[in-house]
N, C-alpha and C. Protein backbone atom coordinates (compact mmCIF):
# COMPACT_ATOMS: atom_id res chain seq x y z
N MET A 1 34.21 38.77 -57.98
CA MET A 1 33.28 37.85 -57.36
C MET A 1 32.52 37.10 -58.45
N LYS A 2 32.40 35.80 -58.28
CA LYS A 2 31.74 34.95 -59.24
C LYS A 2 30.31 34.68 -58.80
N THR A 3 29.35 34.86 -59.70
CA THR A 3 27.95 34.61 -59.40
C THR A 3 27.53 33.30 -60.03
N ARG A 4 26.97 32.41 -59.21
CA ARG A 4 26.50 31.13 -59.72
C ARG A 4 25.14 31.31 -60.37
N SER A 5 24.94 30.63 -61.50
CA SER A 5 23.64 30.67 -62.15
C SER A 5 23.41 29.33 -62.82
N ALA A 6 22.18 29.07 -63.15
CA ALA A 6 21.83 27.82 -63.80
C ALA A 6 20.74 28.08 -64.81
N SER A 7 20.77 27.36 -65.89
CA SER A 7 19.74 27.48 -66.92
C SER A 7 18.45 26.84 -66.42
N ILE A 8 17.33 27.45 -66.76
CA ILE A 8 16.04 26.84 -66.40
C ILE A 8 15.34 26.29 -67.63
N SER A 9 16.03 26.25 -68.75
CA SER A 9 15.46 25.72 -69.98
C SER A 9 15.01 24.27 -69.76
N GLY A 10 13.75 24.01 -70.04
CA GLY A 10 13.22 22.66 -69.89
C GLY A 10 12.85 22.27 -68.48
N LYS A 11 12.94 23.20 -67.54
CA LYS A 11 12.60 22.91 -66.14
C LYS A 11 11.29 23.59 -65.78
N ALA A 12 10.61 23.02 -64.81
CA ALA A 12 9.37 23.63 -64.33
C ALA A 12 9.68 24.92 -63.60
N THR A 13 8.87 25.92 -63.81
CA THR A 13 9.00 27.17 -63.06
C THR A 13 7.71 27.39 -62.29
N LEU A 14 7.81 28.10 -61.20
CA LEU A 14 6.65 28.33 -60.34
C LEU A 14 6.24 29.78 -60.43
N SER A 15 4.95 30.03 -60.43
CA SER A 15 4.43 31.38 -60.46
C SER A 15 4.07 31.80 -59.04
N ARG A 16 4.56 32.96 -58.62
CA ARG A 16 4.26 33.44 -57.27
C ARG A 16 2.77 33.72 -57.10
N SER A 17 2.03 33.85 -58.18
CA SER A 17 0.61 34.13 -58.05
C SER A 17 -0.23 32.87 -57.88
N ASP A 18 0.38 31.71 -57.95
CA ASP A 18 -0.35 30.45 -57.82
C ASP A 18 -0.60 30.14 -56.35
N PRO A 19 -1.83 30.30 -55.84
CA PRO A 19 -2.11 30.08 -54.42
C PRO A 19 -1.94 28.64 -53.98
N ALA A 20 -1.93 27.69 -54.92
CA ALA A 20 -1.71 26.30 -54.55
C ALA A 20 -0.26 26.03 -54.21
N VAL A 21 0.63 26.88 -54.69
CA VAL A 21 2.06 26.66 -54.49
C VAL A 21 2.62 27.58 -53.41
N PHE A 22 2.23 28.84 -53.43
CA PHE A 22 2.77 29.81 -52.48
C PHE A 22 1.71 30.20 -51.45
N PRO A 23 2.12 30.41 -50.20
CA PRO A 23 1.15 30.78 -49.17
C PRO A 23 0.66 32.21 -49.38
N LEU A 24 -0.31 32.57 -48.59
CA LEU A 24 -0.81 33.93 -48.65
C LEU A 24 0.30 34.92 -48.36
N PRO A 25 0.33 36.06 -49.07
CA PRO A 25 1.37 37.04 -48.78
C PRO A 25 1.17 37.65 -47.39
N ALA A 26 2.24 38.21 -46.86
CA ALA A 26 2.15 38.86 -45.55
C ALA A 26 1.18 40.03 -45.65
N ARG A 27 0.45 40.25 -44.56
CA ARG A 27 -0.52 41.35 -44.54
C ARG A 27 -0.26 42.24 -43.33
N ASP A 28 -0.56 43.48 -43.47
CA ASP A 28 -0.47 44.42 -42.36
C ASP A 28 0.87 44.37 -41.64
N GLY A 29 1.94 44.22 -42.40
CA GLY A 29 3.27 44.24 -41.81
C GLY A 29 3.68 42.96 -41.10
N GLU A 30 2.86 41.91 -41.18
CA GLU A 30 3.24 40.64 -40.56
C GLU A 30 4.44 40.07 -41.30
N PRO A 31 5.32 39.38 -40.61
CA PRO A 31 6.45 38.75 -41.29
C PRO A 31 5.98 37.61 -42.19
N LEU A 32 6.78 37.30 -43.19
CA LEU A 32 6.44 36.22 -44.10
C LEU A 32 6.35 34.88 -43.37
N PHE A 33 7.25 34.68 -42.40
CA PHE A 33 7.28 33.44 -41.63
C PHE A 33 6.82 33.73 -40.20
N ALA A 34 5.83 32.96 -39.73
CA ALA A 34 5.33 33.16 -38.38
C ALA A 34 6.27 32.53 -37.35
N ASP A 35 6.95 31.46 -37.74
CA ASP A 35 7.86 30.75 -36.85
C ASP A 35 9.14 30.40 -37.61
N VAL A 36 10.21 30.20 -36.88
CA VAL A 36 11.50 29.88 -37.49
C VAL A 36 11.43 28.60 -38.31
N TRP A 37 10.70 27.59 -37.82
CA TRP A 37 10.64 26.31 -38.53
C TRP A 37 10.09 26.46 -39.93
N GLU A 38 9.23 27.45 -40.17
CA GLU A 38 8.67 27.65 -41.50
C GLU A 38 9.78 28.04 -42.48
N ALA A 39 10.63 28.98 -42.07
CA ALA A 39 11.75 29.39 -42.91
C ALA A 39 12.73 28.24 -43.09
N GLN A 40 12.95 27.48 -42.03
CA GLN A 40 13.89 26.36 -42.10
C GLN A 40 13.42 25.30 -43.09
N ALA A 41 12.12 25.02 -43.12
CA ALA A 41 11.59 24.01 -44.04
C ALA A 41 11.89 24.39 -45.48
N LEU A 42 11.62 25.64 -45.83
CA LEU A 42 11.89 26.08 -47.19
C LEU A 42 13.39 26.19 -47.45
N GLY A 43 14.15 26.56 -46.43
CA GLY A 43 15.61 26.63 -46.57
C GLY A 43 16.21 25.26 -46.84
N ILE A 44 15.70 24.24 -46.19
CA ILE A 44 16.19 22.87 -46.41
C ILE A 44 15.88 22.44 -47.85
N ALA A 45 14.67 22.73 -48.30
CA ALA A 45 14.31 22.38 -49.69
C ALA A 45 15.25 23.09 -50.66
N HIS A 46 15.49 24.36 -50.43
CA HIS A 46 16.38 25.13 -51.30
C HIS A 46 17.80 24.53 -51.29
N ALA A 47 18.30 24.19 -50.11
CA ALA A 47 19.65 23.61 -50.01
C ALA A 47 19.73 22.27 -50.74
N LEU A 48 18.69 21.45 -50.64
CA LEU A 48 18.68 20.16 -51.33
C LEU A 48 18.69 20.35 -52.84
N ILE A 49 17.95 21.34 -53.32
CA ILE A 49 17.93 21.63 -54.75
C ILE A 49 19.30 22.14 -55.20
N GLU A 50 19.84 23.10 -54.47
CA GLU A 50 21.15 23.67 -54.81
C GLU A 50 22.26 22.61 -54.80
N ALA A 51 22.16 21.65 -53.90
CA ALA A 51 23.18 20.60 -53.79
C ALA A 51 22.96 19.47 -54.81
N GLY A 52 21.87 19.53 -55.57
CA GLY A 52 21.61 18.54 -56.60
C GLY A 52 20.96 17.26 -56.10
N HIS A 53 20.46 17.27 -54.86
CA HIS A 53 19.81 16.07 -54.33
C HIS A 53 18.39 15.91 -54.83
N LEU A 54 17.78 17.01 -55.28
CA LEU A 54 16.47 16.94 -55.90
C LEU A 54 16.34 18.11 -56.86
N THR A 55 15.36 18.00 -57.74
CA THR A 55 15.15 19.05 -58.74
C THR A 55 13.98 19.94 -58.34
N ASN A 56 13.89 21.08 -58.98
CA ASN A 56 12.75 21.97 -58.76
C ASN A 56 11.45 21.25 -59.08
N THR A 57 11.47 20.45 -60.14
CA THR A 57 10.27 19.72 -60.54
C THR A 57 9.86 18.71 -59.47
N GLU A 58 10.83 17.95 -58.95
CA GLU A 58 10.52 16.98 -57.89
C GLU A 58 9.94 17.69 -56.68
N TRP A 59 10.53 18.82 -56.29
CA TRP A 59 10.05 19.58 -55.14
C TRP A 59 8.62 20.07 -55.37
N SER A 60 8.38 20.68 -56.53
CA SER A 60 7.04 21.24 -56.76
C SER A 60 5.99 20.14 -56.87
N GLN A 61 6.35 18.99 -57.45
CA GLN A 61 5.39 17.88 -57.55
C GLN A 61 5.10 17.28 -56.18
N ALA A 62 6.12 17.12 -55.35
CA ALA A 62 5.91 16.57 -54.00
C ALA A 62 5.07 17.52 -53.16
N LEU A 63 5.37 18.82 -53.24
CA LEU A 63 4.60 19.81 -52.49
C LEU A 63 3.16 19.84 -52.98
N ASP A 64 2.97 19.78 -54.29
CA ASP A 64 1.62 19.78 -54.85
C ASP A 64 0.84 18.55 -54.38
N ALA A 65 1.49 17.39 -54.33
CA ALA A 65 0.81 16.16 -53.90
C ALA A 65 0.33 16.29 -52.45
N VAL A 66 1.16 16.85 -51.59
CA VAL A 66 0.76 17.02 -50.19
C VAL A 66 -0.34 18.07 -50.08
N ARG A 67 -0.20 19.17 -50.82
CA ARG A 67 -1.23 20.23 -50.78
C ARG A 67 -2.57 19.70 -51.30
N THR A 68 -2.52 18.86 -52.32
CA THR A 68 -3.75 18.27 -52.86
C THR A 68 -4.41 17.39 -51.80
N ALA A 69 -3.61 16.60 -51.09
CA ALA A 69 -4.15 15.76 -50.02
C ALA A 69 -4.74 16.61 -48.90
N GLN A 70 -4.12 17.76 -48.63
CA GLN A 70 -4.62 18.67 -47.60
C GLN A 70 -5.96 19.28 -47.97
N ALA A 71 -6.24 19.41 -49.27
CA ALA A 71 -7.47 20.06 -49.71
C ALA A 71 -8.70 19.38 -49.14
N ALA A 72 -8.60 18.09 -48.88
CA ALA A 72 -9.73 17.35 -48.32
C ALA A 72 -9.92 17.63 -46.83
N GLU A 73 -8.90 18.19 -46.19
CA GLU A 73 -8.96 18.48 -44.77
C GLU A 73 -9.48 19.91 -44.55
N ASP A 74 -10.07 20.15 -43.43
CA ASP A 74 -10.55 21.49 -43.09
C ASP A 74 -9.47 22.19 -42.27
N LEU A 75 -8.56 22.85 -42.96
CA LEU A 75 -7.45 23.52 -42.30
C LEU A 75 -7.74 25.03 -42.27
N ALA A 76 -8.03 25.55 -41.10
CA ALA A 76 -8.39 26.95 -40.95
C ALA A 76 -7.20 27.88 -41.23
N ASP A 77 -6.02 27.48 -40.85
CA ASP A 77 -4.83 28.32 -41.00
C ASP A 77 -4.09 27.92 -42.27
N ARG A 78 -4.40 28.61 -43.38
CA ARG A 78 -3.80 28.26 -44.67
C ARG A 78 -2.29 28.46 -44.67
N ARG A 79 -1.82 29.46 -43.97
CA ARG A 79 -0.38 29.72 -43.93
C ARG A 79 0.34 28.55 -43.26
N LYS A 80 -0.14 28.15 -42.10
CA LYS A 80 0.48 27.03 -41.40
C LYS A 80 0.34 25.75 -42.22
N ALA A 81 -0.79 25.56 -42.86
CA ALA A 81 -1.01 24.37 -43.69
C ALA A 81 0.03 24.28 -44.80
N TYR A 82 0.38 25.42 -45.38
CA TYR A 82 1.39 25.44 -46.45
C TYR A 82 2.73 24.92 -45.92
N TYR A 83 3.16 25.43 -44.78
CA TYR A 83 4.46 25.03 -44.26
C TYR A 83 4.45 23.59 -43.74
N LEU A 84 3.31 23.14 -43.21
CA LEU A 84 3.19 21.72 -42.83
C LEU A 84 3.28 20.84 -44.08
N ALA A 85 2.72 21.32 -45.18
CA ALA A 85 2.84 20.59 -46.45
C ALA A 85 4.29 20.54 -46.90
N ALA A 86 5.01 21.63 -46.72
CA ALA A 86 6.43 21.67 -47.10
C ALA A 86 7.21 20.62 -46.30
N VAL A 87 6.93 20.52 -45.01
CA VAL A 87 7.61 19.52 -44.18
C VAL A 87 7.24 18.11 -44.65
N GLY A 88 5.96 17.90 -44.92
CA GLY A 88 5.52 16.59 -45.41
C GLY A 88 6.18 16.22 -46.73
N ALA A 89 6.28 17.19 -47.64
CA ALA A 89 6.93 16.95 -48.93
C ALA A 89 8.41 16.64 -48.73
N LEU A 90 9.07 17.36 -47.83
CA LEU A 90 10.48 17.09 -47.54
C LEU A 90 10.66 15.68 -46.99
N GLU A 91 9.83 15.29 -46.04
CA GLU A 91 9.93 13.95 -45.46
C GLU A 91 9.77 12.89 -46.54
N ARG A 92 8.80 13.07 -47.40
CA ARG A 92 8.55 12.11 -48.47
C ARG A 92 9.75 12.03 -49.43
N LEU A 93 10.26 13.18 -49.85
CA LEU A 93 11.38 13.20 -50.78
C LEU A 93 12.65 12.60 -50.16
N LEU A 94 12.93 12.97 -48.91
CA LEU A 94 14.13 12.45 -48.25
C LEU A 94 14.08 10.93 -48.16
N SER A 95 12.91 10.40 -47.86
CA SER A 95 12.75 8.96 -47.76
C SER A 95 12.77 8.30 -49.14
N ASP A 96 11.99 8.82 -50.08
CA ASP A 96 11.89 8.23 -51.42
C ASP A 96 13.24 8.20 -52.14
N LYS A 97 14.05 9.23 -51.93
CA LYS A 97 15.35 9.31 -52.59
C LYS A 97 16.45 8.60 -51.82
N GLY A 98 16.10 8.02 -50.68
CA GLY A 98 17.09 7.28 -49.89
C GLY A 98 18.10 8.16 -49.18
N LEU A 99 17.80 9.45 -49.05
CA LEU A 99 18.72 10.36 -48.35
C LEU A 99 18.65 10.14 -46.84
N ILE A 100 17.45 9.87 -46.35
CA ILE A 100 17.25 9.52 -44.95
C ILE A 100 16.21 8.41 -44.92
N PRO A 101 16.55 7.24 -44.40
CA PRO A 101 15.57 6.14 -44.37
C PRO A 101 14.30 6.54 -43.60
N ALA A 102 13.17 6.04 -44.07
CA ALA A 102 11.87 6.35 -43.46
C ALA A 102 11.87 6.01 -41.97
N GLN A 103 12.49 4.90 -41.60
CA GLN A 103 12.54 4.50 -40.19
C GLN A 103 13.27 5.55 -39.36
N ASP A 104 14.35 6.13 -39.90
CA ASP A 104 15.09 7.17 -39.18
C ASP A 104 14.23 8.42 -39.00
N LEU A 105 13.45 8.77 -40.03
CA LEU A 105 12.55 9.92 -39.91
C LEU A 105 11.49 9.68 -38.84
N ARG A 106 10.91 8.48 -38.84
CA ARG A 106 9.90 8.15 -37.83
C ARG A 106 10.50 8.19 -36.43
N GLN A 107 11.72 7.65 -36.28
CA GLN A 107 12.36 7.63 -34.97
C GLN A 107 12.67 9.04 -34.50
N ARG A 108 13.18 9.89 -35.38
CA ARG A 108 13.51 11.26 -34.99
C ARG A 108 12.25 12.02 -34.58
N LYS A 109 11.16 11.81 -35.31
CA LYS A 109 9.90 12.46 -34.96
C LYS A 109 9.42 11.99 -33.59
N ALA A 110 9.52 10.68 -33.33
CA ALA A 110 9.13 10.14 -32.03
C ALA A 110 10.01 10.71 -30.92
N ASP A 111 11.30 10.85 -31.20
CA ASP A 111 12.23 11.43 -30.22
C ASP A 111 11.85 12.88 -29.89
N TRP A 112 11.48 13.65 -30.90
CA TRP A 112 11.08 15.04 -30.67
C TRP A 112 9.80 15.12 -29.85
N ILE A 113 8.85 14.25 -30.17
CA ILE A 113 7.59 14.23 -29.42
C ILE A 113 7.86 13.90 -27.95
N ALA A 114 8.71 12.90 -27.71
CA ALA A 114 9.06 12.53 -26.33
C ALA A 114 9.78 13.67 -25.62
N ALA A 115 10.72 14.31 -26.32
CA ALA A 115 11.46 15.42 -25.71
C ALA A 115 10.52 16.59 -25.40
N TYR A 116 9.59 16.85 -26.29
CA TYR A 116 8.61 17.91 -26.07
C TYR A 116 7.78 17.61 -24.81
N GLY A 117 7.36 16.35 -24.67
CA GLY A 117 6.53 15.96 -23.54
C GLY A 117 7.23 16.07 -22.19
N ARG A 118 8.54 15.93 -22.17
CA ARG A 118 9.26 15.97 -20.89
C ARG A 118 9.90 17.34 -20.61
N THR A 119 9.72 18.29 -21.51
CA THR A 119 10.35 19.60 -21.35
C THR A 119 9.40 20.57 -20.65
N PRO A 120 9.84 21.19 -19.56
CA PRO A 120 8.99 22.18 -18.88
C PRO A 120 8.71 23.37 -19.80
N HIS A 121 7.54 23.95 -19.63
CA HIS A 121 7.14 25.11 -20.42
C HIS A 121 8.19 26.21 -20.32
N GLY A 122 8.52 26.79 -21.45
CA GLY A 122 9.48 27.90 -21.49
C GLY A 122 10.93 27.48 -21.58
N LYS A 123 11.20 26.20 -21.49
CA LYS A 123 12.57 25.69 -21.59
C LYS A 123 12.82 25.18 -23.01
N PRO A 124 14.06 25.21 -23.47
CA PRO A 124 14.35 24.68 -24.81
C PRO A 124 14.18 23.16 -24.84
N ILE A 125 13.70 22.67 -25.96
CA ILE A 125 13.53 21.23 -26.14
C ILE A 125 14.88 20.66 -26.58
N LEU A 126 15.36 19.68 -25.85
CA LEU A 126 16.65 19.06 -26.15
C LEU A 126 16.47 17.58 -26.43
N LEU A 127 17.06 17.12 -27.53
CA LEU A 127 17.07 15.70 -27.82
C LEU A 127 18.21 15.04 -27.06
N ASN A 128 18.12 13.75 -26.86
CA ASN A 128 19.21 12.99 -26.27
C ASN A 128 20.36 12.99 -27.27
N ARG A 129 21.39 13.78 -27.00
CA ARG A 129 22.50 13.94 -27.93
C ARG A 129 23.25 12.64 -28.20
N ARG A 130 23.37 11.77 -27.21
CA ARG A 130 24.09 10.51 -27.43
C ARG A 130 23.40 9.65 -28.47
N ALA A 131 22.09 9.67 -28.51
CA ALA A 131 21.35 8.84 -29.45
C ALA A 131 21.53 9.30 -30.88
N HIS A 132 21.84 10.58 -31.08
CA HIS A 132 21.89 11.13 -32.43
C HIS A 132 23.24 11.73 -32.78
N SER A 133 24.25 11.52 -31.98
CA SER A 133 25.53 12.18 -32.21
C SER A 133 26.19 11.76 -33.52
N ASN A 134 25.90 10.57 -34.01
CA ASN A 134 26.51 10.13 -35.26
C ASN A 134 25.60 10.32 -36.46
N GLN A 135 24.51 11.05 -36.32
CA GLN A 135 23.55 11.19 -37.39
C GLN A 135 23.52 12.59 -37.99
N ARG A 136 24.65 13.26 -38.03
CA ARG A 136 24.69 14.59 -38.64
C ARG A 136 24.62 14.43 -40.15
N TRP A 137 23.70 15.12 -40.77
CA TRP A 137 23.55 15.09 -42.21
C TRP A 137 23.55 16.51 -42.71
N ASP A 138 24.35 16.80 -43.68
CA ASP A 138 24.47 18.15 -44.20
C ASP A 138 24.25 18.09 -45.71
N PRO A 139 23.18 18.74 -46.23
CA PRO A 139 22.89 18.65 -47.66
C PRO A 139 23.90 19.39 -48.55
N ILE A 140 24.73 20.26 -47.94
CA ILE A 140 25.69 21.01 -48.74
C ILE A 140 27.10 20.53 -48.39
N PRO A 141 27.79 19.89 -49.34
CA PRO A 141 29.14 19.41 -49.07
C PRO A 141 30.05 20.56 -48.66
N GLU A 142 31.02 20.24 -47.82
CA GLU A 142 31.97 21.24 -47.31
C GLU A 142 32.60 22.05 -48.44
N ALA A 143 32.94 21.39 -49.54
CA ALA A 143 33.60 22.06 -50.66
C ALA A 143 32.73 23.11 -51.34
N ASP A 144 31.41 22.99 -51.20
CA ASP A 144 30.48 23.93 -51.87
C ASP A 144 30.13 25.13 -51.02
N ARG A 145 30.66 25.21 -49.80
CA ARG A 145 30.31 26.33 -48.92
C ARG A 145 31.14 27.53 -49.21
């Protein structure tokens, strides 16, 4: 079995003890992620880095910029604020790097809000599949799986 590795020489590294970068650790047996979307946000960032679409430095700088902007806000839930910052950083990077046009991100967000509003409580939220059937984007090429 072959193990993939990469040199970190000359690259930014993150310290797990830095509260500006990492959320509060789990306490009293709580899971690290309160909701699936939190894990997905970080998973998408990791996949983009692994696929070479962005660097660790770009990710940490974008996340830091959003977290710095959040500092001015009164966010009671620091854990949720961290993951919201991760989503904001992803949106910014995807748009800035031309991976997903900003207009497409805005439209998809509007579609989700509309779908949420018309979905009865307890039912899964479904997007209009016809509107997005040709918009599948996969950060990891088939050959790299």
